[in-house]
């Protein structure tokens, strides 16, 4: 890969194409790595199983603490 950034999106359209613009804006603000736009301010999660959501958020928080 070449270029300034890479966006990897799910083929099942669980990621909205319009969010690529939001990713780029976050990169311009200084972010280096991020995932799950639902975690960004203004992001939403739709039709996501509640238990999976909680476990996912806990795992993301734990991993974030490990690399902070």
C-alpha atoms as a PDB file:
ATOM      1  CA  UNK A   1       0.000   0.000   0.000  1.00  0.00           C
ATOM      2  CA  UNK A   2       1.107   3.534  -0.649  1.00  0.00           C
ATOM      3  CA  UNK A   3      -0.289   6.900   0.317  1.00  0.00           C
ATOM      4  CA  UNK A   4      -1.114   8.742   3.501  1.00  0.00           C
ATOM      5  CA  UNK A   5      -3.825   6.452   4.869  1.00  0.00           C
ATOM      6  CA  UNK A   6      -5.566   3.124   4.463  1.00  0.00           C
ATOM      7  CA  UNK A   7      -9.266   2.547   5.140  1.00  0.00           C
ATOM      8  CA  UNK A   8     -10.388  -1.032   5.580  1.00  0.00           C
ATOM      9  CA  UNK A   9     -14.143  -1.462   5.426  1.00  0.00           C
ATOM     10  CA  UNK A  10     -16.410  -4.449   5.896  1.00  0.00           C
ATOM     11  CA  UNK A  11     -17.899  -5.953   2.731  1.00  0.00           C
ATOM     12  CA  UNK A  12     -21.282  -6.377   4.420  1.00  0.00           C
ATOM     13  CA  UNK A  13     -21.757  -2.590   4.400  1.00  0.00           C
ATOM     14  CA  UNK A  14     -21.703  -2.420   8.195  1.00  0.00           C
ATOM     15  CA  UNK A  15     -19.376   0.552   7.650  1.00  0.00           C
ATOM     16  CA  UNK A  16     -20.926   3.560   5.930  1.00  0.00           C
ATOM     17  CA  UNK A  17     -18.939   4.840   2.947  1.00  0.00           C
ATOM     18  CA  UNK A  18     -19.554   8.441   4.059  1.00  0.00           C
ATOM     19  CA  UNK A  19     -17.511   7.687   7.188  1.00  0.00           C
ATOM     20  CA  UNK A  20     -14.322   7.650   5.102  1.00  0.00           C
ATOM     21  CA  UNK A  21     -14.555  11.463   5.110  1.00  0.00           C
ATOM     22  CA  UNK A  22     -14.816  11.418   8.908  1.00  0.00           C
ATOM     23  CA  UNK A  23     -11.764   9.135   9.127  1.00  0.00           C
ATOM     24  CA  UNK A  24      -9.786  11.559   6.973  1.00  0.00           C
ATOM     25  CA  UNK A  25     -10.846  14.503   9.122  1.00  0.00           C
ATOM     26  CA  UNK A  26      -9.703  12.655  12.249  1.00  0.00           C
ATOM     27  CA  UNK A  27      -6.354  11.889  10.611  1.00  0.00           C
ATOM     28  CA  UNK A  28      -5.926  15.578   9.787  1.00  0.00           C
ATOM     29  CA  UNK A  29      -6.626  16.399  13.471  1.00  0.00           C
ATOM     30  CA  UNK A  30      -3.687  14.202  14.472  1.00  0.00           C
ATOM     31  CA  UNK A  31      -5.191  10.769  15.135  1.00  0.00           C
ATOM     32  CA  UNK A  32      -2.916   7.953  14.017  1.00  0.00           C
ATOM     33  CA  UNK A  33      -5.023   4.803  14.404  1.00  0.00           C
ATOM     34  CA  UNK A  34      -8.679   4.306  15.155  1.00  0.00           C
ATOM     35  CA  UNK A  35     -11.431   1.859  14.457  1.00  0.00           C
ATOM     36  CA  UNK A  36     -15.180   1.620  14.798  1.00  0.00           C
ATOM     37  CA  UNK A  37     -16.570   5.012  13.956  1.00  0.00           C
ATOM     38  CA  UNK A  38     -19.293   4.261  16.495  1.00  0.00           C
ATOM     39  CA  UNK A  39     -16.706   5.134  19.123  1.00  0.00           C
ATOM     40  CA  UNK A  40     -16.145   8.644  17.733  1.00  0.00           C
ATOM     41  CA  UNK A  41     -18.161  11.601  18.919  1.00  0.00           C
ATOM     42  CA  UNK A  42     -21.404  11.585  16.988  1.00  0.00           C
ATOM     43  CA  UNK A  43     -20.983   7.957  15.912  1.00  0.00           C
ATOM     44  CA  UNK A  44     -23.718   5.402  16.342  1.00  0.00           C
ATOM     45  CA  UNK A  45     -24.088   1.658  16.516  1.00  0.00           C
ATOM     46  CA  UNK A  46     -27.210   0.191  14.921  1.00  0.00           C
ATOM     47  CA  UNK A  47     -28.606  -3.342  15.355  1.00  0.00           C
ATOM     48  CA  UNK A  48     -25.541  -4.578  17.238  1.00  0.00           C
ATOM     49  CA  UNK A  49     -26.154  -7.340  19.817  1.00  0.00           C
ATOM     50  CA  UNK A  50     -26.023  -5.742  23.287  1.00  0.00           C
ATOM     51  CA  UNK A  51     -23.763  -8.396  24.867  1.00  0.00           C
ATOM     52  CA  UNK A  52     -21.353  -8.235  21.952  1.00  0.00           C
ATOM     53  CA  UNK A  53     -21.351  -4.425  22.186  1.00  0.00           C
ATOM     54  CA  UNK A  54     -20.448  -4.491  25.889  1.00  0.00           C
ATOM     55  CA  UNK A  55     -17.718  -7.103  25.410  1.00  0.00           C
ATOM     56  CA  UNK A  56     -16.342  -5.223  22.409  1.00  0.00           C
ATOM     57  CA  UNK A  57     -16.210  -1.910  24.293  1.00  0.00           C
ATOM     58  CA  UNK A  58     -14.521  -3.558  27.289  1.00  0.00           C
ATOM     59  CA  UNK A  59     -11.916  -5.210  25.051  1.00  0.00           C
ATOM     60  CA  UNK A  60     -11.284  -1.939  23.173  1.00  0.00           C
ATOM     61  CA  UNK A  61     -10.856  -0.048  26.451  1.00  0.00           C
ATOM     62  CA  UNK A  62      -8.450  -2.674  27.784  1.00  0.00           C
ATOM     63  CA  UNK A  63      -6.362  -2.641  24.613  1.00  0.00           C
ATOM     64  CA  UNK A  64      -6.378   1.154  24.598  1.00  0.00           C
ATOM     65  CA  UNK A  65      -5.052   1.199  28.167  1.00  0.00           C
ATOM     66  CA  UNK A  66      -2.278  -1.238  27.239  1.00  0.00           C
ATOM     67  CA  UNK A  67      -0.983   1.087  24.525  1.00  0.00           C
ATOM     68  CA  UNK A  68      -1.643   4.485  26.110  1.00  0.00           C
END
